[in-house]
N, C-alpha and C. Protein backbone atom coordinates (compact mmCIF):
# COMPACT_ATOMS: atom_id res chain seq x y z
N MET A 1 23.34 57.58 75.64
CA MET A 1 22.81 56.27 75.93
C MET A 1 22.86 55.42 74.67
N LEU A 2 23.40 54.21 74.76
CA LEU A 2 23.50 53.32 73.61
C LEU A 2 22.19 52.60 73.38
N ARG A 3 21.88 52.39 72.13
CA ARG A 3 20.68 51.64 71.77
C ARG A 3 20.99 50.15 71.81
N LEU A 4 19.96 49.35 71.94
CA LEU A 4 20.14 47.91 72.05
C LEU A 4 20.22 47.20 70.72
N GLU A 5 20.12 47.91 69.60
CA GLU A 5 20.12 47.26 68.30
C GLU A 5 21.51 46.79 67.87
N GLY A 6 22.57 47.31 68.43
CA GLY A 6 23.93 46.97 68.00
C GLY A 6 24.33 45.56 68.38
N SER A 7 25.50 45.15 67.91
CA SER A 7 26.06 43.85 68.28
C SER A 7 26.95 44.03 69.51
N PHE A 8 26.79 43.14 70.46
CA PHE A 8 27.55 43.23 71.70
C PHE A 8 28.41 42.00 71.86
N ASP A 9 29.58 42.18 72.50
CA ASP A 9 30.43 41.02 72.77
C ASP A 9 29.94 40.33 74.05
N THR A 10 30.66 39.31 74.49
CA THR A 10 30.21 38.53 75.64
C THR A 10 30.20 39.33 76.94
N ASP A 11 30.93 40.45 76.98
CA ASP A 11 30.93 41.31 78.17
C ASP A 11 29.87 42.40 78.09
N GLY A 12 29.06 42.39 77.05
CA GLY A 12 28.02 43.39 76.91
C GLY A 12 28.50 44.70 76.33
N LEU A 13 29.72 44.74 75.79
CA LEU A 13 30.25 45.96 75.19
C LEU A 13 29.88 46.02 73.72
N LEU A 14 29.54 47.21 73.24
CA LEU A 14 29.17 47.39 71.85
C LEU A 14 30.38 47.12 70.96
N MET A 15 30.19 46.26 69.96
CA MET A 15 31.28 45.92 69.05
C MET A 15 31.35 46.93 67.91
N GLN A 16 32.56 47.13 67.38
CA GLN A 16 32.74 47.98 66.22
C GLN A 16 32.10 47.31 65.01
N PRO A 17 31.55 48.09 64.11
CA PRO A 17 30.96 47.49 62.92
C PRO A 17 32.04 46.90 62.02
N LYS A 18 31.65 45.93 61.23
CA LYS A 18 32.53 45.37 60.21
C LYS A 18 32.33 46.26 58.99
N ILE A 19 33.42 46.74 58.41
CA ILE A 19 33.34 47.65 57.27
C ILE A 19 34.00 46.99 56.08
N ARG A 20 33.32 47.05 54.94
CA ARG A 20 33.91 46.51 53.72
C ARG A 20 33.63 47.44 52.55
N THR A 21 34.50 47.35 51.55
CA THR A 21 34.34 48.11 50.32
C THR A 21 33.12 47.60 49.56
N ALA A 22 32.32 48.52 49.07
CA ALA A 22 31.13 48.16 48.30
C ALA A 22 31.54 47.75 46.89
N THR A 23 30.70 46.93 46.29
CA THR A 23 30.89 46.50 44.91
C THR A 23 29.72 46.99 44.07
N PHE A 24 29.84 46.83 42.78
CA PHE A 24 28.79 47.22 41.84
C PHE A 24 27.47 46.55 42.20
N GLU A 25 27.53 45.31 42.66
CA GLU A 25 26.33 44.56 43.01
C GLU A 25 25.63 45.10 44.26
N ASP A 26 26.33 45.91 45.04
CA ASP A 26 25.77 46.49 46.26
C ASP A 26 24.92 47.73 46.00
N ALA A 27 24.85 48.18 44.76
CA ALA A 27 24.15 49.44 44.45
C ALA A 27 22.73 49.49 45.01
N PRO A 28 21.92 48.42 44.91
CA PRO A 28 20.56 48.51 45.49
C PRO A 28 20.59 48.70 47.01
N LEU A 29 21.50 48.00 47.70
CA LEU A 29 21.62 48.15 49.15
C LEU A 29 22.03 49.57 49.54
N ILE A 30 23.00 50.09 48.82
CA ILE A 30 23.52 51.42 49.13
C ILE A 30 22.44 52.48 48.91
N ALA A 31 21.76 52.42 47.77
CA ALA A 31 20.70 53.39 47.50
C ALA A 31 19.61 53.30 48.56
N SER A 32 19.25 52.09 48.96
CA SER A 32 18.23 51.91 50.00
C SER A 32 18.68 52.49 51.34
N LEU A 33 19.92 52.22 51.73
CA LEU A 33 20.45 52.76 52.99
C LEU A 33 20.42 54.29 52.98
N ILE A 34 20.88 54.88 51.89
CA ILE A 34 20.92 56.34 51.81
C ILE A 34 19.51 56.91 51.84
N ARG A 35 18.61 56.33 51.10
CA ARG A 35 17.23 56.82 51.07
C ARG A 35 16.60 56.75 52.46
N ARG A 36 16.77 55.62 53.14
CA ARG A 36 16.19 55.47 54.47
C ARG A 36 16.90 56.36 55.48
N GLY A 37 18.22 56.52 55.34
CA GLY A 37 18.98 57.35 56.26
C GLY A 37 18.67 58.84 56.16
N PHE A 38 18.27 59.29 54.97
CA PHE A 38 18.01 60.72 54.76
C PHE A 38 16.52 61.05 54.62
N LEU A 39 15.66 60.06 54.77
CA LEU A 39 14.22 60.27 54.61
C LEU A 39 13.68 61.37 55.52
N LYS A 40 14.03 61.31 56.80
CA LYS A 40 13.51 62.30 57.75
C LYS A 40 13.98 63.71 57.39
N GLN A 41 15.23 63.84 56.95
CA GLN A 41 15.72 65.16 56.52
C GLN A 41 14.86 65.72 55.40
N ALA A 42 14.58 64.87 54.41
CA ALA A 42 13.76 65.32 53.28
C ALA A 42 12.38 65.75 53.76
N GLN A 43 11.81 64.99 54.70
CA GLN A 43 10.49 65.33 55.23
C GLN A 43 10.53 66.66 55.98
N ILE A 44 11.54 66.85 56.82
CA ILE A 44 11.68 68.09 57.58
C ILE A 44 11.81 69.28 56.63
N LEU A 45 12.57 69.10 55.56
CA LEU A 45 12.79 70.17 54.59
C LEU A 45 11.63 70.34 53.62
N GLY A 46 10.68 69.41 53.64
CA GLY A 46 9.55 69.47 52.73
C GLY A 46 9.92 69.18 51.28
N LEU A 47 10.94 68.35 51.08
CA LEU A 47 11.40 68.03 49.73
C LEU A 47 10.72 66.78 49.21
N ASP A 48 10.45 66.78 47.92
CA ASP A 48 9.92 65.57 47.29
C ASP A 48 10.80 65.22 46.09
N GLU A 49 10.70 63.96 45.71
CA GLU A 49 11.58 63.43 44.67
C GLU A 49 11.31 64.02 43.29
N VAL A 50 10.09 64.43 43.04
CA VAL A 50 9.76 65.00 41.74
C VAL A 50 10.44 66.35 41.56
N GLU A 51 10.36 67.19 42.59
CA GLU A 51 10.92 68.54 42.49
C GLU A 51 12.43 68.57 42.72
N TYR A 52 12.95 67.68 43.57
CA TYR A 52 14.38 67.68 43.90
C TYR A 52 14.98 66.28 43.74
N PRO A 53 14.98 65.74 42.52
CA PRO A 53 15.43 64.36 42.30
C PRO A 53 16.90 64.12 42.65
N ASN A 54 17.71 65.17 42.68
CA ASN A 54 19.13 64.99 42.96
C ASN A 54 19.48 65.14 44.44
N TYR A 55 18.49 65.41 45.28
CA TYR A 55 18.77 65.50 46.72
C TYR A 55 19.15 64.10 47.22
N VAL A 56 20.07 64.05 48.15
CA VAL A 56 20.63 62.79 48.64
C VAL A 56 19.57 61.78 49.08
N ALA A 57 18.47 62.23 49.63
CA ALA A 57 17.42 61.32 50.11
C ALA A 57 16.73 60.56 48.99
N PHE A 58 16.98 60.98 47.76
CA PHE A 58 16.34 60.32 46.62
C PHE A 58 17.36 59.62 45.74
N ASP A 59 18.44 59.16 46.35
CA ASP A 59 19.50 58.46 45.62
C ASP A 59 18.93 57.23 44.90
N THR A 60 19.57 56.85 43.82
CA THR A 60 19.11 55.71 43.03
C THR A 60 20.25 54.71 42.80
N GLU A 61 19.87 53.50 42.46
CA GLU A 61 20.86 52.48 42.11
C GLU A 61 21.74 52.96 40.96
N LYS A 62 21.12 53.58 39.97
CA LYS A 62 21.86 54.08 38.81
C LYS A 62 22.91 55.11 39.24
N ALA A 63 22.53 56.02 40.12
CA ALA A 63 23.47 57.05 40.60
C ALA A 63 24.60 56.41 41.41
N VAL A 64 24.28 55.40 42.22
CA VAL A 64 25.32 54.70 42.99
C VAL A 64 26.29 54.02 42.03
N ARG A 65 25.77 53.34 41.04
CA ARG A 65 26.64 52.67 40.06
C ARG A 65 27.53 53.68 39.33
N HIS A 66 26.96 54.83 39.01
CA HIS A 66 27.76 55.88 38.36
C HIS A 66 28.91 56.32 39.27
N ARG A 67 28.62 56.53 40.55
CA ARG A 67 29.69 56.94 41.48
C ARG A 67 30.76 55.86 41.60
N LEU A 68 30.33 54.60 41.64
CA LEU A 68 31.30 53.51 41.75
C LEU A 68 32.23 53.44 40.54
N THR A 69 31.75 53.82 39.37
CA THR A 69 32.60 53.80 38.17
C THR A 69 33.37 55.11 38.00
N ALA A 70 33.13 56.09 38.87
CA ALA A 70 33.78 57.40 38.78
C ALA A 70 34.79 57.61 39.91
N ASP A 71 35.39 56.54 40.38
CA ASP A 71 36.44 56.60 41.41
C ASP A 71 35.96 57.08 42.78
N VAL A 72 34.68 56.98 43.05
CA VAL A 72 34.18 57.25 44.40
C VAL A 72 34.27 55.93 45.17
N HIS A 73 34.89 55.99 46.32
CA HIS A 73 34.98 54.80 47.17
C HIS A 73 33.74 54.77 48.07
N ILE A 74 33.05 53.65 48.07
CA ILE A 74 31.87 53.49 48.90
C ILE A 74 32.10 52.30 49.82
N ALA A 75 31.76 52.47 51.09
CA ALA A 75 31.92 51.39 52.06
C ALA A 75 30.58 51.13 52.75
N LEU A 76 30.45 49.91 53.22
CA LEU A 76 29.25 49.49 53.95
C LEU A 76 29.67 49.01 55.33
N ALA A 77 28.85 49.31 56.34
CA ALA A 77 29.11 48.85 57.70
C ALA A 77 28.04 47.84 58.10
N TYR A 78 28.49 46.77 58.71
CA TYR A 78 27.63 45.67 59.15
C TYR A 78 27.85 45.43 60.63
N LEU A 79 26.83 44.92 61.30
CA LEU A 79 27.02 44.47 62.67
C LEU A 79 27.85 43.20 62.64
N ASP A 80 27.55 42.34 61.69
CA ASP A 80 28.37 41.18 61.37
C ASP A 80 28.16 40.92 59.88
N LEU A 81 29.09 40.28 59.24
CA LEU A 81 29.03 40.16 57.79
C LEU A 81 27.94 39.22 57.30
N LYS A 82 27.19 38.60 58.20
CA LYS A 82 26.07 37.75 57.81
C LYS A 82 24.76 38.52 57.76
N SER A 83 24.77 39.75 58.30
CA SER A 83 23.54 40.55 58.38
C SER A 83 23.50 41.58 57.26
N GLU A 84 22.41 42.30 57.20
CA GLU A 84 22.27 43.40 56.25
C GLU A 84 23.10 44.59 56.76
N PRO A 85 23.59 45.44 55.86
CA PRO A 85 24.35 46.61 56.30
C PRO A 85 23.46 47.59 57.06
N VAL A 86 24.08 48.33 57.98
CA VAL A 86 23.35 49.32 58.78
C VAL A 86 23.77 50.75 58.46
N ALA A 87 24.85 50.90 57.66
CA ALA A 87 25.36 52.23 57.37
C ALA A 87 26.24 52.20 56.12
N THR A 88 26.43 53.38 55.55
CA THR A 88 27.29 53.52 54.37
C THR A 88 27.94 54.89 54.38
N ILE A 89 29.04 55.00 53.62
CA ILE A 89 29.73 56.28 53.44
C ILE A 89 30.42 56.26 52.09
N SER A 90 30.59 57.45 51.52
CA SER A 90 31.30 57.59 50.25
C SER A 90 32.41 58.61 50.43
N CYS A 91 33.50 58.41 49.71
CA CYS A 91 34.60 59.38 49.75
C CYS A 91 35.34 59.38 48.42
N LEU A 92 35.92 60.53 48.13
CA LEU A 92 36.59 60.74 46.86
C LEU A 92 37.79 61.64 47.09
N LEU A 93 38.90 61.32 46.46
CA LEU A 93 40.09 62.16 46.54
C LEU A 93 40.07 63.10 45.34
N ARG A 94 39.97 64.40 45.63
CA ARG A 94 40.02 65.40 44.55
C ARG A 94 41.47 65.77 44.30
N SER A 95 41.80 66.01 43.06
CA SER A 95 43.19 66.35 42.73
C SER A 95 43.39 67.86 42.68
N ASP A 96 42.84 68.55 43.67
CA ASP A 96 43.05 69.98 43.77
C ASP A 96 44.46 70.22 44.33
N PRO A 97 44.89 71.45 44.44
CA PRO A 97 46.27 71.72 44.88
C PRO A 97 46.65 71.11 46.24
N ILE A 98 45.68 70.94 47.16
CA ILE A 98 46.05 70.38 48.47
C ILE A 98 45.58 68.94 48.65
N LEU A 99 45.13 68.29 47.59
CA LEU A 99 44.62 66.93 47.65
C LEU A 99 43.55 66.82 48.75
N THR A 100 42.36 67.20 48.40
CA THR A 100 41.24 67.24 49.34
C THR A 100 40.39 65.99 49.21
N ALA A 101 40.03 65.42 50.34
CA ALA A 101 39.09 64.30 50.37
C ALA A 101 37.69 64.89 50.51
N GLU A 102 36.78 64.41 49.70
CA GLU A 102 35.40 64.81 49.83
C GLU A 102 34.63 63.62 50.40
N ILE A 103 34.02 63.82 51.56
CA ILE A 103 33.27 62.76 52.21
C ILE A 103 31.78 63.09 52.08
N THR A 104 31.04 62.10 51.56
CA THR A 104 29.62 62.32 51.30
C THR A 104 28.79 61.12 51.72
N ARG A 105 27.52 61.33 51.81
CA ARG A 105 26.53 60.27 51.97
C ARG A 105 26.79 59.34 53.14
N LEU A 106 27.17 59.93 54.28
CA LEU A 106 27.21 59.13 55.50
C LEU A 106 25.77 58.90 55.91
N ALA A 107 25.34 57.66 55.87
CA ALA A 107 23.96 57.33 56.21
C ALA A 107 23.95 56.14 57.16
N VAL A 108 23.36 56.34 58.32
CA VAL A 108 23.17 55.27 59.30
C VAL A 108 21.66 55.08 59.45
N LEU A 109 21.21 53.84 59.36
CA LEU A 109 19.79 53.60 59.53
C LEU A 109 19.32 54.16 60.87
N PRO A 110 18.16 54.81 60.90
CA PRO A 110 17.71 55.48 62.12
C PRO A 110 17.74 54.61 63.37
N SER A 111 17.36 53.36 63.30
CA SER A 111 17.32 52.51 64.50
C SER A 111 18.71 52.13 65.00
N TYR A 112 19.78 52.44 64.25
CA TYR A 112 21.14 52.12 64.67
C TYR A 112 21.96 53.35 65.03
N ARG A 113 21.34 54.52 65.01
CA ARG A 113 22.07 55.74 65.36
C ARG A 113 22.35 55.75 66.85
N GLY A 114 23.40 56.47 67.22
CA GLY A 114 23.77 56.55 68.63
C GLY A 114 24.68 55.43 69.07
N ASN A 115 25.14 54.60 68.15
CA ASN A 115 26.03 53.47 68.48
C ASN A 115 27.44 53.67 67.95
N ASN A 116 27.78 54.88 67.50
CA ASN A 116 29.10 55.23 66.98
C ASN A 116 29.43 54.59 65.63
N TYR A 117 28.43 54.08 64.91
CA TYR A 117 28.69 53.52 63.59
C TYR A 117 29.09 54.62 62.61
N GLY A 118 28.46 55.78 62.73
CA GLY A 118 28.83 56.91 61.87
C GLY A 118 30.25 57.35 62.14
N GLN A 119 30.64 57.40 63.39
CA GLN A 119 32.01 57.78 63.74
C GLN A 119 32.99 56.76 63.20
N ALA A 120 32.68 55.47 63.30
CA ALA A 120 33.56 54.42 62.78
C ALA A 120 33.73 54.57 61.26
N LEU A 121 32.65 54.87 60.56
CA LEU A 121 32.75 55.05 59.10
C LEU A 121 33.54 56.31 58.75
N MET A 122 33.37 57.37 59.52
CA MET A 122 34.15 58.59 59.27
C MET A 122 35.64 58.32 59.46
N THR A 123 36.00 57.62 60.52
CA THR A 123 37.40 57.27 60.74
C THR A 123 37.93 56.42 59.59
N TYR A 124 37.14 55.46 59.15
CA TYR A 124 37.51 54.61 58.02
C TYR A 124 37.77 55.47 56.78
N ALA A 125 36.83 56.35 56.43
CA ALA A 125 36.96 57.18 55.23
C ALA A 125 38.15 58.13 55.34
N GLU A 126 38.32 58.76 56.50
CA GLU A 126 39.45 59.68 56.68
C GLU A 126 40.77 58.94 56.53
N ASN A 127 40.91 57.77 57.15
CA ASN A 127 42.15 57.01 57.04
C ASN A 127 42.40 56.56 55.61
N ARG A 128 41.35 56.16 54.92
CA ARG A 128 41.51 55.74 53.52
C ARG A 128 41.99 56.91 52.67
N MET A 129 41.40 58.08 52.87
CA MET A 129 41.80 59.25 52.09
C MET A 129 43.19 59.75 52.48
N LEU A 130 43.53 59.66 53.75
CA LEU A 130 44.87 60.04 54.20
C LEU A 130 45.92 59.15 53.55
N THR A 131 45.65 57.86 53.51
CA THR A 131 46.56 56.90 52.86
C THR A 131 46.70 57.22 51.37
N ALA A 132 45.63 57.72 50.76
CA ALA A 132 45.66 58.07 49.33
C ALA A 132 46.35 59.41 49.08
N GLY A 133 46.72 60.11 50.16
CA GLY A 133 47.45 61.36 50.01
C GLY A 133 46.70 62.62 50.38
N ALA A 134 45.45 62.50 50.81
CA ALA A 134 44.66 63.69 51.16
C ALA A 134 45.24 64.39 52.38
N LYS A 135 45.19 65.69 52.36
CA LYS A 135 45.65 66.50 53.49
C LYS A 135 44.48 67.07 54.28
N VAL A 136 43.34 67.26 53.60
CA VAL A 136 42.16 67.88 54.20
C VAL A 136 40.94 67.08 53.76
N ALA A 137 39.98 66.96 54.67
CA ALA A 137 38.69 66.35 54.32
C ALA A 137 37.62 67.43 54.39
N GLU A 138 36.71 67.39 53.43
CA GLU A 138 35.60 68.33 53.39
C GLU A 138 34.29 67.57 53.28
N LEU A 139 33.24 68.19 53.80
CA LEU A 139 31.89 67.64 53.68
C LEU A 139 30.92 68.79 53.73
N SER A 140 29.68 68.50 53.43
CA SER A 140 28.66 69.56 53.48
C SER A 140 27.38 69.00 54.10
N ILE A 141 26.67 69.90 54.77
CA ILE A 141 25.41 69.53 55.43
C ILE A 141 24.40 70.65 55.23
N VAL A 142 23.16 70.36 55.54
CA VAL A 142 22.13 71.39 55.54
C VAL A 142 22.49 72.37 56.66
N ALA A 143 22.68 73.62 56.30
CA ALA A 143 23.18 74.62 57.25
C ALA A 143 22.31 74.78 58.49
N SER A 144 21.01 74.60 58.36
CA SER A 144 20.12 74.82 59.51
C SER A 144 20.02 73.61 60.45
N PHE A 145 20.63 72.49 60.10
CA PHE A 145 20.55 71.29 60.94
C PHE A 145 21.70 71.28 61.95
N GLN A 146 21.36 71.42 63.23
CA GLN A 146 22.38 71.50 64.27
C GLN A 146 22.98 70.15 64.66
N ARG A 147 22.18 69.10 64.69
CA ARG A 147 22.71 67.81 65.15
C ARG A 147 23.85 67.29 64.27
N PRO A 148 23.71 67.30 62.94
CA PRO A 148 24.86 66.88 62.13
C PRO A 148 26.06 67.79 62.32
N LYS A 149 25.81 69.09 62.49
CA LYS A 149 26.92 70.03 62.70
C LYS A 149 27.66 69.67 63.99
N TRP A 150 26.94 69.40 65.05
CA TRP A 150 27.59 69.04 66.32
C TRP A 150 28.35 67.72 66.18
N PHE A 151 27.75 66.76 65.47
CA PHE A 151 28.41 65.47 65.26
C PHE A 151 29.76 65.67 64.57
N TYR A 152 29.78 66.44 63.49
CA TYR A 152 31.03 66.64 62.75
C TYR A 152 32.01 67.51 63.52
N GLU A 153 31.52 68.48 64.27
CA GLU A 153 32.43 69.28 65.11
C GLU A 153 33.11 68.39 66.15
N ARG A 154 32.35 67.46 66.71
CA ARG A 154 32.93 66.54 67.69
C ARG A 154 34.05 65.70 67.06
N LEU A 155 33.98 65.46 65.76
CA LEU A 155 35.00 64.70 65.04
C LEU A 155 36.15 65.58 64.54
N GLY A 156 36.10 66.87 64.87
CA GLY A 156 37.19 67.77 64.51
C GLY A 156 36.96 68.63 63.28
N TYR A 157 35.76 68.61 62.72
CA TYR A 157 35.46 69.42 61.54
C TYR A 157 35.08 70.83 61.97
N ALA A 158 35.60 71.80 61.24
CA ALA A 158 35.31 73.20 61.51
C ALA A 158 34.32 73.74 60.49
N PRO A 159 33.31 74.48 60.96
CA PRO A 159 32.37 75.09 60.01
C PRO A 159 33.10 76.10 59.14
N GLY A 160 32.71 76.16 57.89
CA GLY A 160 33.30 77.11 56.95
C GLY A 160 32.22 77.93 56.29
N GLN A 161 32.33 78.01 54.99
CA GLN A 161 31.42 78.82 54.20
C GLN A 161 30.00 78.24 54.17
N ARG A 162 29.04 79.13 54.23
CA ARG A 162 27.62 78.79 54.00
C ARG A 162 27.29 79.29 52.61
N ARG A 163 26.59 78.45 51.86
CA ARG A 163 26.32 78.85 50.48
C ARG A 163 24.97 78.30 50.02
N GLN A 164 24.31 79.09 49.23
CA GLN A 164 23.07 78.66 48.59
C GLN A 164 23.45 77.93 47.30
N ILE A 165 22.93 76.72 47.12
CA ILE A 165 23.16 75.93 45.91
C ILE A 165 21.91 76.11 45.04
N ALA A 166 22.12 76.38 43.77
CA ALA A 166 20.99 76.71 42.87
C ALA A 166 19.91 75.64 42.84
N THR A 167 20.28 74.37 42.98
CA THR A 167 19.29 73.28 42.85
C THR A 167 18.67 72.88 44.18
N LEU A 168 18.99 73.60 45.26
CA LEU A 168 18.46 73.25 46.57
C LEU A 168 17.78 74.45 47.23
N PRO A 169 16.71 74.22 47.98
CA PRO A 169 15.98 75.33 48.61
C PRO A 169 16.47 75.68 50.01
N PHE A 170 17.71 75.39 50.31
CA PHE A 170 18.28 75.69 51.63
C PHE A 170 19.76 75.99 51.49
N GLU A 171 20.30 76.62 52.53
CA GLU A 171 21.74 76.89 52.55
C GLU A 171 22.50 75.63 52.93
N VAL A 172 23.69 75.50 52.37
CA VAL A 172 24.58 74.38 52.66
C VAL A 172 25.76 74.93 53.46
N LEU A 173 26.13 74.20 54.50
CA LEU A 173 27.30 74.54 55.30
C LEU A 173 28.42 73.59 54.93
N PHE A 174 29.57 74.15 54.57
CA PHE A 174 30.74 73.35 54.25
C PHE A 174 31.62 73.29 55.49
N MET A 175 32.13 72.10 55.78
CA MET A 175 32.98 71.88 56.95
C MET A 175 34.25 71.17 56.49
N SER A 176 35.35 71.42 57.22
CA SER A 176 36.61 70.79 56.83
C SER A 176 37.45 70.44 58.05
N LYS A 177 38.42 69.56 57.79
CA LYS A 177 39.31 69.08 58.85
C LYS A 177 40.65 68.71 58.22
N ARG A 178 41.74 69.11 58.88
CA ARG A 178 43.06 68.67 58.45
C ARG A 178 43.20 67.22 58.91
N LEU A 179 43.62 66.36 57.99
CA LEU A 179 43.69 64.93 58.29
C LEU A 179 44.99 64.55 58.97
N SER A 180 44.89 63.63 59.93
CA SER A 180 46.05 63.03 60.57
C SER A 180 45.66 61.59 60.91
N PRO A 181 46.65 60.69 61.00
CA PRO A 181 46.33 59.28 61.25
C PRO A 181 45.50 59.10 62.52
N GLN A 182 44.52 58.17 62.44
CA GLN A 182 43.67 57.85 63.59
C GLN A 182 43.68 56.35 63.81
N PRO A 183 43.46 55.92 65.04
CA PRO A 183 43.42 54.47 65.30
C PRO A 183 42.18 53.84 64.72
């Protein structure tokens, strides 16, 4: 069921979000989107910013600016370019032997979920990385969270290795997908 928060055309059909490349000046918006998008995850996991400052839910403007200067591509999704952004995604092309795209920080504001904005941003990031030469896309999620796993499986990602990360109190599930052009 689609939520009513999205933008609709004159026929009542949900419109695709407008996606644009983020700039250095967007760092406060991006950090805010990520923090709000991952807040519930942090609460469910019982994480706080003091003990786990590097967890995605506690992203900062400084960290966003660092990623922007480190060849991480960040995009913002808008219902229309006159409004505030409703979602963001980051991606990076790693120069490993198979040219792997790393997709991170897909965050959709809670009141806009269920409108395919996350899927639109994933398609955007995958196409951008494919154009840059990536053959495979990888991402990671909290291993015990089923909804994100189902979302990514629906997009063609296969579950892979589960691993404990030293700085996190939960297992991480790594997922991957062979990239091919998408509309």
